[in-house]
C-alpha atoms as a PDB file:
ATOM      1  CA  GLY A   1      25.389  25.844 -16.995  1.00  0.00           C
ATOM      2  CA  ALA A   2      24.908  24.645 -13.460  1.00  0.00           C
ATOM      3  CA  THR A   3      23.738  21.532 -11.693  1.00  0.00           C
ATOM      4  CA  THR A   4      21.043  21.559  -9.038  1.00  0.00           C
ATOM      5  CA  GLN A   5      22.314  21.817  -5.470  1.00  0.00           C
ATOM      6  CA  ILE A   6      21.839  18.979  -3.015  1.00  0.00           C
ATOM      7  CA  VAL A   7      19.864  20.160  -0.003  1.00  0.00           C
ATOM      8  CA  THR A   8      20.698  18.909   3.472  1.00  0.00           C
ATOM      9  CA  SER A   9      18.164  19.735   6.145  1.00  0.00           C
ATOM     10  CA  ALA A  10      19.124  19.304   9.779  1.00  0.00           C
ATOM     11  CA  GLY A  11      15.611  18.698  11.052  1.00  0.00           C
ATOM     12  CA  THR A  12      13.313  15.774  10.406  1.00  0.00           C
ATOM     13  CA  ALA A  13      10.812  17.518   8.134  1.00  0.00           C
ATOM     14  CA  PRO A  14      12.007  18.137   4.566  1.00  0.00           C
ATOM     15  CA  ASP A  15      12.855  21.734   3.752  1.00  0.00           C
ATOM     16  CA  TRP A  16      10.715  21.863   0.623  1.00  0.00           C
ATOM     17  CA  GLU A  17      11.280  25.616   0.212  1.00  0.00           C
ATOM     18  CA  SER A  18      15.018  25.054  -0.148  1.00  0.00           C
ATOM     19  CA  VAL A  19      14.518  22.039  -2.405  1.00  0.00           C
ATOM     20  CA  THR A  20      12.169  23.993  -4.685  1.00  0.00           C
ATOM     21  CA  ASN A  21      14.640  26.851  -4.779  1.00  0.00           C
ATOM     22  CA  ALA A  22      17.445  24.443  -5.713  1.00  0.00           C
ATOM     23  CA  VAL A  23      15.701  22.410  -8.388  1.00  0.00           C
ATOM     24  CA  ALA A  24      12.818  24.384  -9.918  1.00  0.00           C
ATOM     25  CA  ASN A  25      14.956  25.637 -12.816  1.00  0.00           C
ATOM     26  CA  SER A  26      15.731  22.055 -13.879  1.00  0.00           C
ATOM     27  CA  VAL A  27      12.058  21.417 -14.707  1.00  0.00           C
ATOM     28  CA  VAL A  28      10.525  22.423 -18.033  1.00  0.00           C
ATOM     29  CA  ALA A  29       7.035  22.640 -19.501  1.00  0.00           C
ATOM     30  CA  ILE A  30       6.616  20.899 -22.851  1.00  0.00           C
ATOM     31  CA  THR A  31       4.044  21.918 -25.456  1.00  0.00           C
ATOM     32  CA  VAL A  32       3.531  19.666 -28.462  1.00  0.00           C
ATOM     33  CA  LYS A  33       1.537  19.991 -31.639  1.00  0.00           C
ATOM     34  CA  THR A  34      -0.008  16.783 -32.956  1.00  0.00           C
ATOM     35  CA  SER A  35      -2.580  16.041 -35.614  1.00  0.00           C
ATOM     36  CA  GLU A  36      -5.177  16.355 -32.855  1.00  0.00           C
ATOM     37  CA  GLY A  37      -4.123  19.787 -31.611  1.00  0.00           C
ATOM     38  CA  THR A  38      -1.923  21.102 -28.831  1.00  0.00           C
ATOM     39  CA  GLU A  39      -1.037  19.042 -25.759  1.00  0.00           C
ATOM     40  CA  MET A  40       1.070  19.665 -22.673  1.00  0.00           C
ATOM     41  CA  GLY A  41       3.528  17.755 -20.563  1.00  0.00           C
ATOM     42  CA  SER A  42       6.617  18.187 -18.423  1.00  0.00           C
ATOM     43  CA  GLY A  43      10.293  17.286 -18.540  1.00  0.00           C
ATOM     44  CA  VAL A  44      13.544  17.489 -16.613  1.00  0.00           C
ATOM     45  CA  ILE A  45      16.886  18.817 -17.900  1.00  0.00           C
ATOM     46  CA  TYR A  46      19.313  15.897 -18.089  1.00  0.00           C
ATOM     47  CA  ASP A  47      22.544  17.490 -19.328  1.00  0.00           C
ATOM     48  CA  ASP A  48      23.998  20.881 -20.217  1.00  0.00           C
ATOM     49  CA  SER A  49      23.690  20.231 -23.955  1.00  0.00           C
ATOM     50  CA  GLY A  50      19.930  20.552 -23.514  1.00  0.00           C
ATOM     51  CA  HIS A  51      18.713  16.943 -23.442  1.00  0.00           C
ATOM     52  CA  ILE A  52      15.440  16.596 -21.558  1.00  0.00           C
ATOM     53  CA  ILE A  53      13.850  13.412 -20.233  1.00  0.00           C
ATOM     54  CA  THR A  54      10.087  13.147 -20.629  1.00  0.00           C
ATOM     55  CA  ASN A  55       7.440  10.521 -21.432  1.00  0.00           C
ATOM     56  CA  HIS A  56       6.998   8.854 -24.811  1.00  0.00           C
ATOM     57  CA  HIS A  57       3.261   9.556 -24.605  1.00  0.00           C
ATOM     58  CA  VAL A  58       3.972  13.282 -24.300  1.00  0.00           C
ATOM     59  CA  VAL A  59       6.168  13.654 -27.411  1.00  0.00           C
ATOM     60  CA  GLY A  60       5.855  10.404 -29.375  1.00  0.00           C
ATOM     61  CA  THR A  61       3.412  11.723 -31.988  1.00  0.00           C
ATOM     62  CA  ALA A  62       4.452  15.374 -31.963  1.00  0.00           C
ATOM     63  CA  SER A  63       4.937  17.263 -35.199  1.00  0.00           C
ATOM     64  CA  GLN A  64       6.366  20.202 -33.249  1.00  0.00           C
ATOM     65  CA  ILE A  65       7.854  20.404 -29.740  1.00  0.00           C
ATOM     66  CA  GLN A  66       8.436  23.526 -27.678  1.00  0.00           C
ATOM     67  CA  VAL A  67      10.119  23.683 -24.287  1.00  0.00           C
ATOM     68  CA  THR A  68       9.491  26.494 -21.803  1.00  0.00           C
ATOM     69  CA  LEU A  69      12.088  26.953 -19.070  1.00  0.00           C
ATOM     70  CA  ALA A  70      11.033  27.856 -15.544  1.00  0.00           C
ATOM     71  CA  ASP A  71      12.053  31.481 -16.175  1.00  0.00           C
ATOM     72  CA  GLY A  72       9.693  31.694 -19.168  1.00  0.00           C
ATOM     73  CA  ARG A  73      12.177  31.404 -22.037  1.00  0.00           C
ATOM     74  CA  ILE A  74      10.751  29.352 -24.913  1.00  0.00           C
ATOM     75  CA  TYR A  75      12.811  27.120 -27.212  1.00  0.00           C
ATOM     76  CA  ASP A  76      12.110  24.719 -30.034  1.00  0.00           C
ATOM     77  CA  ALA A  77      13.099  21.135 -29.317  1.00  0.00           C
ATOM     78  CA  GLU A  78      13.812  18.083 -31.447  1.00  0.00           C
ATOM     79  CA  LEU A  79      13.084  14.456 -30.641  1.00  0.00           C
ATOM     80  CA  THR A  80      16.333  12.636 -29.781  1.00  0.00           C
ATOM     81  CA  GLY A  81      14.687   9.260 -29.363  1.00  0.00           C
ATOM     82  CA  THR A  82      11.660   7.573 -27.880  1.00  0.00           C
ATOM     83  CA  ASP A  83      11.010   4.202 -26.233  1.00  0.00           C
ATOM     84  CA  PRO A  84       7.348   3.168 -26.180  1.00  0.00           C
ATOM     85  CA  ALA A  85       8.116   0.018 -24.161  1.00  0.00           C
ATOM     86  CA  THR A  86       9.065   2.067 -21.094  1.00  0.00           C
ATOM     87  CA  ASP A  87       7.088   5.234 -21.994  1.00  0.00           C
ATOM     88  CA  LEU A  88      10.294   7.273 -21.916  1.00  0.00           C
ATOM     89  CA  ALA A  89      11.659   9.774 -24.432  1.00  0.00           C
ATOM     90  CA  VAL A  90      14.429  12.348 -24.774  1.00  0.00           C
ATOM     91  CA  VAL A  91      14.127  15.672 -26.583  1.00  0.00           C
ATOM     92  CA  GLN A  92      16.857  18.235 -27.092  1.00  0.00           C
ATOM     93  CA  ILE A  93      16.562  22.012 -26.965  1.00  0.00           C
ATOM     94  CA  VAL A  94      17.615  23.575 -30.261  1.00  0.00           C
ATOM     95  CA  ASN A  95      20.390  26.139 -29.698  1.00  0.00           C
ATOM     96  CA  ALA A  96      20.319  25.471 -25.952  1.00  0.00           C
ATOM     97  CA  PRO A  97      21.485  28.364 -23.766  1.00  0.00           C
ATOM     98  CA  ASP A  98      24.655  27.877 -21.730  1.00  0.00           C
ATOM     99  CA  ASP A  99      22.998  28.606 -18.387  1.00  0.00           C
ATOM    100  CA  LEU A 100      20.759  25.543 -18.105  1.00  0.00           C
ATOM    101  CA  THR A 101      20.212  24.042 -14.666  1.00  0.00           C
ATOM    102  CA  VAL A 102      20.857  20.296 -14.874  1.00  0.00           C
ATOM    103  CA  ALA A 103      19.078  17.947 -12.488  1.00  0.00           C
ATOM    104  CA  GLN A 104      20.924  15.370 -10.407  1.00  0.00           C
ATOM    105  CA  ILE A 105      19.629  11.852 -11.008  1.00  0.00           C
ATOM    106  CA  GLY A 106      19.494   9.646  -7.926  1.00  0.00           C
ATOM    107  CA  ASP A 107      19.499   5.914  -7.245  1.00  0.00           C
ATOM    108  CA  SER A 108      15.898   4.707  -7.281  1.00  0.00           C
ATOM    109  CA  ASN A 109      16.965   1.394  -5.718  1.00  0.00           C
ATOM    110  CA  GLN A 110      17.359   3.350  -2.469  1.00  0.00           C
ATOM    111  CA  VAL A 111      13.743   4.588  -2.497  1.00  0.00           C
ATOM    112  CA  VAL A 112      11.685   3.282   0.430  1.00  0.00           C
ATOM    113  CA  THR A 113       7.975   3.318   1.162  1.00  0.00           C
ATOM    114  CA  GLY A 114       6.980   6.225   3.386  1.00  0.00           C
ATOM    115  CA  GLN A 115       9.754   8.610   2.364  1.00  0.00           C
ATOM    116  CA  ASP A 116       8.895  12.192   1.460  1.00  0.00           C
ATOM    117  CA  VAL A 117       8.729  13.180  -2.212  1.00  0.00           C
ATOM    118  CA  MET A 118       8.002  16.256  -4.299  1.00  0.00           C
ATOM    119  CA  ALA A 119       6.759  16.445  -7.889  1.00  0.00           C
ATOM    120  CA  ILE A 120       7.181  19.492 -10.119  1.00  0.00           C
ATOM    121  CA  GLY A 121       5.459  19.803 -13.467  1.00  0.00           C
ATOM    122  CA  ASN A 122       2.918  21.449 -15.702  1.00  0.00           C
ATOM    123  CA  PRO A 123      -0.481  20.070 -14.619  1.00  0.00           C
ATOM    124  CA  LEU A 124      -3.362  21.478 -16.675  1.00  0.00           C
ATOM    125  CA  GLY A 125      -0.963  24.079 -18.053  1.00  0.00           C
ATOM    126  CA  LEU A 126      -0.062  25.443 -14.602  1.00  0.00           C
ATOM    127  CA  SER A 127       3.694  25.394 -15.107  1.00  0.00           C
ATOM    128  CA  SER A 128       6.177  24.998 -12.232  1.00  0.00           C
ATOM    129  CA  THR A 129       3.519  23.509  -9.971  1.00  0.00           C
ATOM    130  CA  VAL A 130       5.007  21.871  -6.869  1.00  0.00           C
ATOM    131  CA  THR A 131       3.187  19.084  -4.993  1.00  0.00           C
ATOM    132  CA  THR A 132       4.426  16.897  -2.161  1.00  0.00           C
ATOM    133  CA  GLY A 133       3.559  13.564  -0.611  1.00  0.00           C
ATOM    134  CA  ILE A 134       5.130  10.271   0.298  1.00  0.00           C
ATOM    135  CA  VAL A 135       6.079   7.095  -1.496  1.00  0.00           C
ATOM    136  CA  SER A 136       2.982   4.920  -1.115  1.00  0.00           C
ATOM    137  CA  ALA A 137       4.549   1.745  -2.555  1.00  0.00           C
ATOM    138  CA  ILE A 138       7.582   0.673  -4.534  1.00  0.00           C
ATOM    139  CA  ASN A 139       7.788  -1.821  -7.401  1.00  0.00           C
ATOM    140  CA  ARG A 140       4.077  -1.388  -8.115  1.00  0.00           C
ATOM    141  CA  PRO A 141       3.332  -3.111 -11.449  1.00  0.00           C
ATOM    142  CA  VAL A 142       1.479  -0.668 -13.691  1.00  0.00           C
ATOM    143  CA  VAL A 143       0.335  -1.556 -17.186  1.00  0.00           C
ATOM    144  CA  THR A 144      -0.772   1.237 -19.506  1.00  0.00           C
ATOM    145  CA  GLU A 145      -1.846   0.519 -23.040  1.00  0.00           C
ATOM    146  CA  GLN A 146      -1.203   2.962 -25.839  1.00  0.00           C
ATOM    147  CA  LYS A 147      -3.839   2.112 -28.384  1.00  0.00           C
ATOM    148  CA  ASP A 148      -4.203   2.308 -32.147  1.00  0.00           C
ATOM    149  CA  GLN A 149      -7.086   4.731 -31.721  1.00  0.00           C
ATOM    150  CA  PRO A 150      -7.354   7.358 -29.014  1.00  0.00           C
ATOM    151  CA  ASP A 151      -9.501   6.057 -26.214  1.00  0.00           C
ATOM    152  CA  GLN A 152     -12.149   8.741 -25.899  1.00  0.00           C
ATOM    153  CA  SER A 153     -13.120   7.647 -22.409  1.00  0.00           C
ATOM    154  CA  GLN A 154      -9.674   8.629 -21.162  1.00  0.00           C
ATOM    155  CA  GLY A 155      -9.356  11.818 -23.171  1.00  0.00           C
ATOM    156  CA  GLY A 156      -6.889  10.083 -25.463  1.00  0.00           C
ATOM    157  CA  SER A 157      -4.420   9.283 -22.726  1.00  0.00           C
ATOM    158  CA  PRO A 158      -2.738   5.892 -22.613  1.00  0.00           C
ATOM    159  CA  GLY A 159      -4.042   3.261 -20.314  1.00  0.00           C
ATOM    160  CA  GLY A 160      -6.896   1.006 -19.518  1.00  0.00           C
ATOM    161  CA  SER A 161      -9.501   2.103 -17.048  1.00  0.00           C
ATOM    162  CA  SER A 162      -7.165   1.444 -14.149  1.00  0.00           C
ATOM    163  CA  THR A 163      -4.140   3.519 -15.068  1.00  0.00           C
ATOM    164  CA  PRO A 164      -4.565   6.141 -17.751  1.00  0.00           C
ATOM    165  CA  GLY A 165      -1.489   8.224 -18.447  1.00  0.00           C
ATOM    166  CA  LEU A 166      -1.245  11.806 -17.413  1.00  0.00           C
ATOM    167  CA  GLY A 167      -0.438  13.525 -20.641  1.00  0.00           C
ATOM    168  CA  GLY A 168      -3.727  13.323 -22.417  1.00  0.00           C
ATOM    169  CA  VAL A 169      -1.591  12.961 -25.507  1.00  0.00           C
ATOM    170  CA  LEU A 170      -2.682  10.784 -28.397  1.00  0.00           C
ATOM    171  CA  GLN A 171      -0.889   7.611 -29.243  1.00  0.00           C
ATOM    172  CA  PRO A 172       1.198   6.405 -32.175  1.00  0.00           C
ATOM    173  CA  SER A 173      -1.008   4.937 -34.874  1.00  0.00           C
ATOM    174  CA  GLN A 174       1.095   1.982 -35.985  1.00  0.00           C
ATOM    175  CA  SER A 175       0.238  -0.513 -33.232  1.00  0.00           C
ATOM    176  CA  SER A 176      -0.814  -0.996 -29.661  1.00  0.00           C
ATOM    177  CA  THR A 177       2.090  -0.831 -27.219  1.00  0.00           C
ATOM    178  CA  LYS A 178       1.814  -2.152 -23.709  1.00  0.00           C
ATOM    179  CA  THR A 179       3.963  -0.284 -21.249  1.00  0.00           C
ATOM    180  CA  CYS A 180       4.740  -2.298 -18.153  1.00  0.00           C
ATOM    181  CA  THR A 181       6.525  -0.470 -15.348  1.00  0.00           C
ATOM    182  CA  ASN A 182       7.360  -1.436 -11.803  1.00  0.00           C
ATOM    183  CA  ALA A 183       6.585   2.043 -10.654  1.00  0.00           C
ATOM    184  CA  ILE A 184       7.067   4.177  -7.585  1.00  0.00           C
ATOM    185  CA  GLN A 185       3.534   4.854  -6.320  1.00  0.00           C
ATOM    186  CA  ILE A 186       3.038   8.293  -4.767  1.00  0.00           C
ATOM    187  CA  ASP A 187       0.235  10.268  -3.157  1.00  0.00           C
ATOM    188  CA  ALA A 188       1.507  13.700  -4.233  1.00  0.00           C
ATOM    189  CA  ALA A 189      -1.159  15.243  -6.467  1.00  0.00           C
ATOM    190  CA  VAL A 190      -0.354  14.645 -10.132  1.00  0.00           C
ATOM    191  CA  ASN A 191      -2.673  15.521 -12.974  1.00  0.00           C
ATOM    192  CA  PRO A 192      -2.714  15.557 -16.785  1.00  0.00           C
ATOM    193  CA  GLY A 193       0.284  17.654 -17.825  1.00  0.00           C
ATOM    194  CA  ASN A 194       2.518  16.347 -15.001  1.00  0.00           C
ATOM    195  CA  SER A 195       3.619  13.529 -17.323  1.00  0.00           C
ATOM    196  CA  GLY A 196       7.348  13.459 -17.934  1.00  0.00           C
ATOM    197  CA  GLY A 197       8.152  15.711 -14.995  1.00  0.00           C
ATOM    198  CA  PRO A 198      10.566  14.759 -12.217  1.00  0.00           C
ATOM    199  CA  LEU A 199       9.865  13.277  -8.807  1.00  0.00           C
ATOM    200  CA  PHE A 200      12.381  14.530  -6.255  1.00  0.00           C
ATOM    201  CA  ASP A 201      13.463  13.242  -2.876  1.00  0.00           C
ATOM    202  CA  GLU A 202      14.066  15.567   0.076  1.00  0.00           C
ATOM    203  CA  THR A 203      17.629  16.331  -1.068  1.00  0.00           C
ATOM    204  CA  GLY A 204      16.469  17.547  -4.489  1.00  0.00           C
ATOM    205  CA  THR A 205      17.668  14.444  -6.323  1.00  0.00           C
ATOM    206  CA  VAL A 206      15.478  13.018  -9.108  1.00  0.00           C
ATOM    207  CA  ILE A 207      14.257   9.547  -8.137  1.00  0.00           C
ATOM    208  CA  GLY A 208      11.554   9.111 -10.785  1.00  0.00           C
ATOM    209  CA  ILE A 209       9.704  10.422 -13.832  1.00  0.00           C
ATOM    210  CA  THR A 210       5.997  10.983 -13.150  1.00  0.00           C
ATOM    211  CA  SER A 211       4.098   9.125 -15.835  1.00  0.00           C
ATOM    212  CA  SER A 212       0.567   7.998 -15.008  1.00  0.00           C
ATOM    213  CA  ILE A 213      -2.306   8.142 -12.547  1.00  0.00           C
ATOM    214  CA  ALA A 214      -4.948   5.716 -11.470  1.00  0.00           C
ATOM    215  CA  SER A 215      -8.456   6.793 -12.309  1.00  0.00           C
ATOM    216  CA  THR A 216     -11.845   5.853 -10.957  1.00  0.00           C
ATOM    217  CA  GLY A 217     -13.230   6.465 -14.448  1.00  0.00           C
ATOM    218  CA  SER A 218     -16.062   8.892 -15.032  1.00  0.00           C
ATOM    219  CA  SER A 219     -18.000  10.199 -18.005  1.00  0.00           C
ATOM    220  CA  SER A 220     -16.236  10.303 -21.346  1.00  0.00           C
ATOM    221  CA  SER A 221     -16.296  14.086 -21.520  1.00  0.00           C
ATOM    222  CA  GLU A 222     -14.186  14.574 -18.413  1.00  0.00           C
ATOM    223  CA  GLN A 223     -10.566  13.736 -17.879  1.00  0.00           C
ATOM    224  CA  ALA A 224      -9.893  12.305 -14.461  1.00  0.00           C
ATOM    225  CA  GLY A 225      -7.614  14.124 -12.066  1.00  0.00           C
ATOM    226  CA  SER A 226      -5.628  13.133  -9.004  1.00  0.00           C
ATOM    227  CA  ILE A 227      -7.164  10.678  -6.579  1.00  0.00           C
ATOM    228  CA  GLY A 228      -3.925  10.342  -4.644  1.00  0.00           C
ATOM    229  CA  ILE A 229      -2.566   7.414  -6.645  1.00  0.00           C
ATOM    230  CA  GLY A 230       0.161   8.445  -9.033  1.00  0.00           C
ATOM    231  CA  PHE A 231       3.022   6.472 -10.586  1.00  0.00           C
ATOM    232  CA  ALA A 232       6.588   7.380 -11.464  1.00  0.00           C
ATOM    233  CA  ILE A 233       9.117   5.477 -13.579  1.00  0.00           C
ATOM    234  CA  PRO A 234      12.167   4.756 -11.364  1.00  0.00           C
ATOM    235  CA  SER A 235      15.132   7.039 -12.109  1.00  0.00           C
ATOM    236  CA  ASN A 236      17.572   4.151 -12.685  1.00  0.00           C
ATOM    237  CA  LEU A 237      15.451   2.910 -15.597  1.00  0.00           C
ATOM    238  CA  ALA A 238      14.957   6.473 -16.894  1.00  0.00           C
ATOM    239  CA  LYS A 239      18.712   7.107 -16.823  1.00  0.00           C
ATOM    240  CA  LYS A 240      19.521   3.814 -18.547  1.00  0.00           C
ATOM    241  CA  VAL A 241      17.005   4.446 -21.336  1.00  0.00           C
ATOM    242  CA  ALA A 242      17.958   8.141 -21.696  1.00  0.00           C
ATOM    243  CA  ASP A 243      21.650   7.295 -22.073  1.00  0.00           C
ATOM    244  CA  GLN A 244      20.800   4.773 -24.809  1.00  0.00           C
ATOM    245  CA  LEU A 245      18.482   7.199 -26.612  1.00  0.00           C
ATOM    246  CA  ILE A 246      21.121   9.946 -26.532  1.00  0.00           C
ATOM    247  CA  SER A 247      23.928   7.702 -27.783  1.00  0.00           C
ATOM    248  CA  THR A 248      22.072   5.640 -30.415  1.00  0.00           C
ATOM    249  CA  GLY A 249      18.539   7.023 -30.792  1.00  0.00           C
ATOM    250  CA  THR A 250      16.954   3.750 -29.677  1.00  0.00           C
ATOM    251  CA  ALA A 251      16.768   1.725 -26.476  1.00  0.00           C
ATOM    252  CA  THR A 252      17.175  -2.017 -26.123  1.00  0.00           C
ATOM    253  CA  HIS A 253      15.599  -4.221 -23.481  1.00  0.00           C
ATOM    254  CA  ALA A 254      16.500  -7.489 -21.880  1.00  0.00           C
ATOM    255  CA  TYR A 255      14.040 -10.343 -22.167  1.00  0.00           C
ATOM    256  CA  ILE A 256      13.500 -13.880 -20.876  1.00  0.00           C
ATOM    257  CA  GLY A 257      11.261 -15.274 -23.625  1.00  0.00           C
ATOM    258  CA  VAL A 258       8.154 -16.557 -21.897  1.00  0.00           C
ATOM    259  CA  THR A 259       4.484 -15.719 -22.081  1.00  0.00           C
ATOM    260  CA  ILE A 260       3.280 -15.177 -18.554  1.00  0.00           C
ATOM    261  CA  GLY A 261       0.050 -14.821 -16.673  1.00  0.00           C
ATOM    262  CA  ASN A 262      -0.942 -14.562 -13.034  1.00  0.00           C
ATOM    263  CA  GLY A 263      -0.822 -17.777 -11.069  1.00  0.00           C
ATOM    264  CA  GLY A 264       0.215 -19.412  -7.851  1.00  0.00           C
ATOM    265  CA  GLY A 265       2.405 -22.264  -6.737  1.00  0.00           C
ATOM    266  CA  THR A 266       2.753 -24.312  -3.574  1.00  0.00           C
ATOM    267  CA  ALA A 267       6.088 -25.435  -2.140  1.00  0.00           C
ATOM    268  CA  GLY A 268       6.831 -26.574   1.392  1.00  0.00           C
ATOM    269  CA  GLY A 269       3.177 -26.185   2.318  1.00  0.00           C
ATOM    270  CA  VAL A 270       3.179 -22.464   1.434  1.00  0.00           C
ATOM    271  CA  THR A 271       1.243 -21.120  -1.542  1.00  0.00           C
ATOM    272  CA  ARG A 272       2.555 -17.989  -3.191  1.00  0.00           C
ATOM    273  CA  ALA A 273       1.240 -15.740  -5.930  1.00  0.00           C
ATOM    274  CA  GLY A 274       3.565 -15.450  -8.898  1.00  0.00           C
ATOM    275  CA  ALA A 275       4.041 -15.161 -12.626  1.00  0.00           C
ATOM    276  CA  GLU A 276       2.931 -18.376 -14.285  1.00  0.00           C
ATOM    277  CA  VAL A 277       4.800 -19.459 -17.401  1.00  0.00           C
ATOM    278  CA  GLY A 278       2.642 -20.195 -20.439  1.00  0.00           C
ATOM    279  CA  SER A 279       4.747 -20.900 -23.485  1.00  0.00           C
ATOM    280  CA  VAL A 280       8.552 -20.813 -23.650  1.00  0.00           C
ATOM    281  CA  GLU A 281      10.025 -19.241 -26.792  1.00  0.00           C
ATOM    282  CA  SER A 282      12.498 -21.454 -28.637  1.00  0.00           C
ATOM    283  CA  GLY A 283      16.046 -20.152 -28.639  1.00  0.00           C
ATOM    284  CA  SER A 284      15.230 -17.816 -25.736  1.00  0.00           C
ATOM    285  CA  PRO A 285      17.073 -17.316 -22.443  1.00  0.00           C
ATOM    286  CA  ALA A 286      14.132 -19.077 -20.748  1.00  0.00           C
ATOM    287  CA  GLU A 287      14.592 -22.206 -22.859  1.00  0.00           C
ATOM    288  CA  ALA A 288      18.341 -22.196 -22.210  1.00  0.00           C
ATOM    289  CA  ALA A 289      17.643 -21.962 -18.475  1.00  0.00           C
ATOM    290  CA  GLY A 290      15.225 -24.885 -18.590  1.00  0.00           C
ATOM    291  CA  LEU A 291      12.037 -23.042 -17.699  1.00  0.00           C
ATOM    292  CA  LYS A 292       8.898 -25.054 -18.413  1.00  0.00           C
ATOM    293  CA  GLU A 293       5.242 -24.353 -19.043  1.00  0.00           C
ATOM    294  CA  GLY A 294       3.402 -24.245 -15.727  1.00  0.00           C
ATOM    295  CA  ASP A 295       6.396 -22.988 -13.726  1.00  0.00           C
ATOM    296  CA  VAL A 296       5.441 -20.225 -11.303  1.00  0.00           C
ATOM    297  CA  ILE A 297       8.107 -17.527 -10.939  1.00  0.00           C
ATOM    298  CA  THR A 298       7.789 -15.914  -7.503  1.00  0.00           C
ATOM    299  CA  ALA A 299      10.899 -13.692  -7.442  1.00  0.00           C
ATOM    300  CA  ILE A 300      13.738 -12.311  -9.560  1.00  0.00           C
ATOM    301  CA  ASP A 301      16.985 -11.720  -7.662  1.00  0.00           C
ATOM    302  CA  GLY A 302      14.931 -12.007  -4.472  1.00  0.00           C
ATOM    303  CA  LYS A 303      12.445  -9.307  -5.507  1.00  0.00           C
ATOM    304  CA  PRO A 304       8.888 -10.683  -5.341  1.00  0.00           C
ATOM    305  CA  THR A 305       6.962 -11.093  -8.614  1.00  0.00           C
ATOM    306  CA  ARG A 306       3.422 -11.598  -7.390  1.00  0.00           C
ATOM    307  CA  GLU A 307       1.900 -11.167 -10.847  1.00  0.00           C
ATOM    308  CA  GLY A 308       3.010 -11.510 -14.434  1.00  0.00           C
ATOM    309  CA  SER A 309       3.378  -7.793 -15.036  1.00  0.00           C
ATOM    310  CA  ALA A 310       5.746  -7.508 -12.052  1.00  0.00           C
ATOM    311  CA  LEU A 311       8.188  -9.912 -13.712  1.00  0.00           C
ATOM    312  CA  THR A 312       7.971  -7.998 -17.002  1.00  0.00           C
ATOM    313  CA  GLY A 313       8.552  -4.705 -15.197  1.00  0.00           C
ATOM    314  CA  PHE A 314      11.641  -6.015 -13.410  1.00  0.00           C
ATOM    315  CA  VAL A 315      13.166  -7.616 -16.502  1.00  0.00           C
ATOM    316  CA  ARG A 316      12.940  -4.289 -18.369  1.00  0.00           C
ATOM    317  CA  GLN A 317      15.250  -2.803 -15.741  1.00  0.00           C
ATOM    318  CA  TYR A 318      18.067  -5.201 -16.664  1.00  0.00           C
ATOM    319  CA  SER A 319      20.402  -5.180 -19.653  1.00  0.00           C
ATOM    320  CA  ALA A 320      21.358  -7.911 -22.104  1.00  0.00           C
ATOM    321  CA  ASP A 321      23.905 -10.403 -20.713  1.00  0.00           C
ATOM    322  CA  ASP A 322      22.886  -9.691 -17.109  1.00  0.00           C
ATOM    323  CA  GLN A 323      22.501 -12.880 -15.098  1.00  0.00           C
ATOM    324  CA  VAL A 324      19.496 -13.078 -12.793  1.00  0.00           C
ATOM    325  CA  THR A 325      18.248 -15.770 -10.444  1.00  0.00           C
ATOM    326  CA  LEU A 326      14.579 -16.676 -10.684  1.00  0.00           C
ATOM    327  CA  THR A 327      12.790 -18.298  -7.764  1.00  0.00           C
ATOM    328  CA  VAL A 328      10.598 -20.938  -9.418  1.00  0.00           C
ATOM    329  CA  ILE A 329       7.965 -23.263  -7.964  1.00  0.00           C
ATOM    330  CA  ARG A 330       7.691 -26.493  -9.959  1.00  0.00           C
ATOM    331  CA  ASP A 331       6.023 -29.755  -8.881  1.00  0.00           C
ATOM    332  CA  GLY A 332       5.812 -28.629  -5.277  1.00  0.00           C
ATOM    333  CA  GLU A 333       9.463 -27.642  -5.049  1.00  0.00           C
ATOM    334  CA  GLU A 334      11.105 -24.226  -4.935  1.00  0.00           C
ATOM    335  CA  LEU A 335      14.075 -23.909  -7.273  1.00  0.00           C
ATOM    336  CA  GLN A 336      16.653 -21.150  -7.758  1.00  0.00           C
ATOM    337  CA  THR A 337      17.140 -20.925 -11.522  1.00  0.00           C
ATOM    338  CA  PRO A 338      19.898 -18.770 -13.029  1.00  0.00           C
ATOM    339  CA  VAL A 339      18.992 -17.099 -16.339  1.00  0.00           C
ATOM    340  CA  THR A 340      21.273 -15.053 -18.593  1.00  0.00           C
ATOM    341  CA  LEU A 341      19.132 -12.364 -20.208  1.00  0.00           C
ATOM    342  CA  SER A 342      19.529 -11.382 -23.842  1.00  0.00           C
ATOM    343  CA  GLU A 343      18.432  -8.453 -25.947  1.00  0.00           C
ATOM    344  CA  ARG A 344      14.993  -8.524 -27.478  1.00  0.00           C
ATOM    345  CA  LYS A 345      15.328  -8.407 -31.247  1.00  0.00           C
ATOM    346  CA  ASP A 346      12.015  -6.763 -32.060  1.00  0.00           C
ATOM    347  CA  THR A 347      12.369  -3.542 -30.069  1.00  0.00           C
END
């Protein structure tokens, strides 16, 4: 097999022709059979043994998975593992060929607003579709809900009215899972079927996994398409989860142990939006750190948490035993509170 080449362009504008040429073969189209019929998504080749990163909502309920390479070869694939909490999954090509093109995964912590990006995927069944744009925002909290019953208004894709997922794939029946991601927001056109496909930077490095789109919501018979607001799961989180799924079949997540809502706190005459602590779980990292009901958490390791879902999204990116520092407003004072995260038992 081979690994995608890194493209260096001398000029200021990205050389998207060279990038496409370098990376297109690392992107696959995924077709799944579920109890509801056939659905489509995308994926990116992670290693030369045929592991592919995609979205949980693309393959989570599949009874059969097929992967089509960019050159048209079709293979059966098996589910390696899936993680509803982050909407990530890994499948593996059965009897993978030895000439796979493996993508290079980049450091999503280096992504900045305004940089050029390119998405490749299988929107509406149009495989190997390339779209470009810029990063519109980073660390954008996006909550999609994967419901017990398919939500007909969104064509069975995950998500409330604000952020339905792209796959149009029906959800697991056991329970409702809330996926909370601090996503990379992009304006490259992404549509149903792009889910699970890679987002590349101008060097051809994968910086995210395209997973959902905002929707203005229309009639129940139509599925919404791109309105220029798409979301990608940062590559660092995708890599962390993929490595866990490949090695053990499941992924674990760090947690603090608080219920949180949106709130605000005032310290030093300045009022800031933040994540307001409701209850504190007994025996949790939050209790050990002395967090109290009514505390407003405004940052984690200096990264702003302007709403509850932002804190949840950041915590998911850490591992058990990581120590973080929360900026907390309590009784008009701003405190720096160290917390040692632990592994959530129920995931």
